[in-house]
Protein backbone atom coordinates (compact mmCIF):
# COMPACT_ATOMS: atom_id res chain seq x y z
CA THR A 1 -25.89 12.63 -15.72
CA GLY A 2 -23.53 9.86 -15.12
CA ASP A 3 -22.86 8.15 -17.92
CA ALA A 4 -18.55 8.73 -17.60
CA THR A 5 -18.46 10.22 -21.30
CA SER A 6 -19.97 13.31 -20.48
CA VAL A 7 -17.45 14.70 -18.60
CA PRO A 8 -14.36 16.25 -19.93
CA GLU A 9 -11.20 14.80 -19.37
CA VAL A 10 -9.11 17.01 -16.95
CA THR A 11 -5.98 17.62 -15.68
CA LYS A 12 -5.07 14.74 -12.87
CA PRO A 13 -3.06 16.09 -10.13
CA SER A 14 0.20 14.76 -9.94
CA VAL A 15 0.57 12.21 -6.65
CA GLY A 16 2.95 14.09 -4.69
CA ASP A 17 6.15 12.50 -2.57
CA THR A 18 4.49 8.74 -4.23
CA GLU A 19 6.04 9.64 -8.07
CA SER A 20 9.52 8.69 -6.47
CA ASP A 21 7.99 5.30 -6.38
CA PRO A 22 6.30 4.39 -9.31
CA GLU A 23 4.32 1.45 -8.51
CA VAL A 24 3.32 3.54 -5.90
CA SER A 25 2.64 6.24 -8.42
CA ALA A 26 1.15 4.32 -10.86
CA PHE A 27 -2.33 2.61 -8.08
CA MET A 28 -2.61 6.05 -7.01
CA THR A 29 -3.20 7.24 -10.27
CA SER A 30 -5.27 3.75 -11.17
CA PHE A 31 -7.32 4.37 -8.11
CA VAL A 32 -8.12 7.67 -8.25
CA ASP A 33 -9.04 7.21 -11.87
CA LEU A 34 -11.42 4.33 -10.60
CA LEU A 35 -12.88 6.08 -8.30
CA VAL A 36 -13.58 9.37 -10.39
CA VAL A 37 -15.17 6.51 -12.78
CA LYS A 38 -17.46 5.35 -9.71
CA ALA A 39 -18.35 8.61 -8.74
CA ARG A 40 -19.17 9.76 -12.08
CA SER A 41 -21.73 7.00 -13.00
CA ALA A 42 -23.06 7.45 -9.22
CA GLY A 43 -23.84 10.43 -10.01
CA HIS A 44 -21.46 12.88 -8.04
CA LEU A 45 -19.91 14.73 -10.50
CA SER A 46 -22.47 15.31 -12.77
CA GLN A 47 -22.06 18.99 -13.10
CA PRO A 48 -21.86 20.30 -17.09
CA GLY A 49 -19.35 21.60 -18.53
CA GLU A 50 -16.51 23.76 -16.81
CA GLU A 51 -18.30 24.13 -13.91
CA GLY A 52 -18.31 19.87 -14.45
CA VAL A 53 -14.57 20.17 -14.86
CA GLU A 54 -13.79 21.15 -11.58
CA GLN A 55 -15.31 20.19 -9.71
CA GLU A 56 -14.04 16.45 -11.08
CA LYS A 57 -10.39 18.21 -10.37
CA ARG A 58 -11.47 19.25 -6.96
CA PHE A 59 -12.75 15.67 -6.30
CA ARG A 60 -9.24 14.28 -7.31
CA LYS A 61 -7.68 16.30 -5.76
CA SER A 62 -9.13 15.66 -2.36
CA LEU A 63 -8.90 11.53 -3.54
CA VAL A 64 -4.75 12.21 -3.93
CA ALA A 65 -4.27 13.94 -1.09
CA THR A 66 -6.03 11.35 1.41
CA LEU A 67 -3.98 8.67 -0.55
CA GLN A 68 -1.30 10.17 0.09
CA ARG A 69 -2.12 10.59 3.44
CA VAL A 70 -2.63 5.81 3.85
CA VAL A 71 -0.38 4.99 1.46
CA LYS A 72 3.09 7.05 2.02
CA PRO A 73 3.16 5.62 5.65
CA PHE A 74 3.56 1.92 3.84
CA THR A 75 6.72 2.56 1.41
CA VAL A 76 8.78 3.78 3.81
CA ARG A 77 12.33 2.95 2.52
CA GLU A 78 14.95 1.66 5.28
CA LEU A 79 18.03 3.38 4.65
CA ASN A 80 20.41 0.35 6.16
CA PRO A 81 17.12 -2.13 6.80
CA LYS A 82 18.73 -5.60 7.85
CA TRP A 83 19.31 -8.26 5.11
CA ALA A 84 19.85 -12.12 5.64
CA ASP A 85 22.67 -12.97 4.07
CA HIS A 86 24.39 -13.21 7.25
CA VAL A 87 22.58 -16.28 7.99
CA PHE A 88 24.66 -17.90 4.94
CA LYS A 89 27.89 -16.63 7.28
CA ASP A 90 29.49 -19.48 8.26
CA THR A 91 29.54 -16.88 11.66
CA TYR A 92 25.82 -17.01 11.98
CA GLY A 93 24.39 -20.05 14.37
CA ARG A 94 22.19 -21.95 12.62
CA LEU A 95 19.86 -24.39 13.79
CA SER A 96 19.96 -27.57 12.04
CA LEU A 97 16.25 -29.25 10.20
CA SER A 98 15.86 -31.83 13.54
CA GLN A 99 16.26 -28.37 16.11
CA VAL A 100 14.21 -26.77 13.87
CA PHE A 101 11.32 -29.60 13.42
CA GLU A 102 11.49 -29.90 17.44
CA HIS A 103 10.42 -26.46 17.62
CA ILE A 104 7.28 -26.82 15.35
CA ASP A 105 6.31 -30.01 16.89
CA LYS A 106 7.05 -28.18 20.51
CA LYS A 107 5.29 -24.82 19.64
CA GLY A 108 3.87 -24.90 16.01
CA HIS A 109 5.58 -22.47 14.33
CA LEU A 110 8.79 -21.82 13.68
CA PRO A 111 11.55 -20.28 15.58
CA TRP A 112 12.10 -17.69 13.71
CA ILE A 113 8.51 -16.38 13.65
CA ARG A 114 5.99 -15.55 15.91
CA ALA A 115 3.20 -17.75 16.28
CA GLU A 116 -0.58 -16.86 15.28
CA ARG A 117 -1.79 -16.20 18.05
CA GLU A 118 0.86 -13.59 19.02
CA VAL A 119 0.68 -11.80 15.61
CA GLN A 120 -3.84 -11.94 16.57
CA GLU A 121 -3.24 -10.40 19.57
CA SER A 122 -0.40 -7.90 18.67
CA GLY A 123 -1.08 -7.23 15.26
CA VAL A 124 1.83 -6.44 12.40
CA ASP A 125 4.21 -3.55 13.05
CA LEU A 126 4.47 -3.09 8.79
CA ILE A 127 7.51 -1.54 9.32
CA GLY A 128 9.22 -3.26 12.46
CA ASP A 129 8.60 -6.55 11.89
CA HIS A 130 10.80 -8.35 9.24
CA VAL A 131 9.28 -11.27 7.74
């Protein structure tokens, strides 16, 4: 029938490489669970008994594989990230507040942030852009 309680509990497949990041693992597990419930309520996972268990296992495995391909590129960890603590050192060439305001008045955005128009035209590199 589509009733979420009519299908026996299925062993959930591992979310693989993302287990090293608990937040990503929790997100993927929750998202897969949500999609399984939606598929059940829509009648897509309605096989009875052991056949239904196998159907759900295959569905979960397919979802996890797809999510790994989609989510993994966004969970890249840089080994030597550019960190901004250097801006507090005396050797850093800071702009004065008047220079910052002058730039904002002239160009409409902060000096170290790309303009909205540029971002709309070229997008944002999630790995390379450090905002």
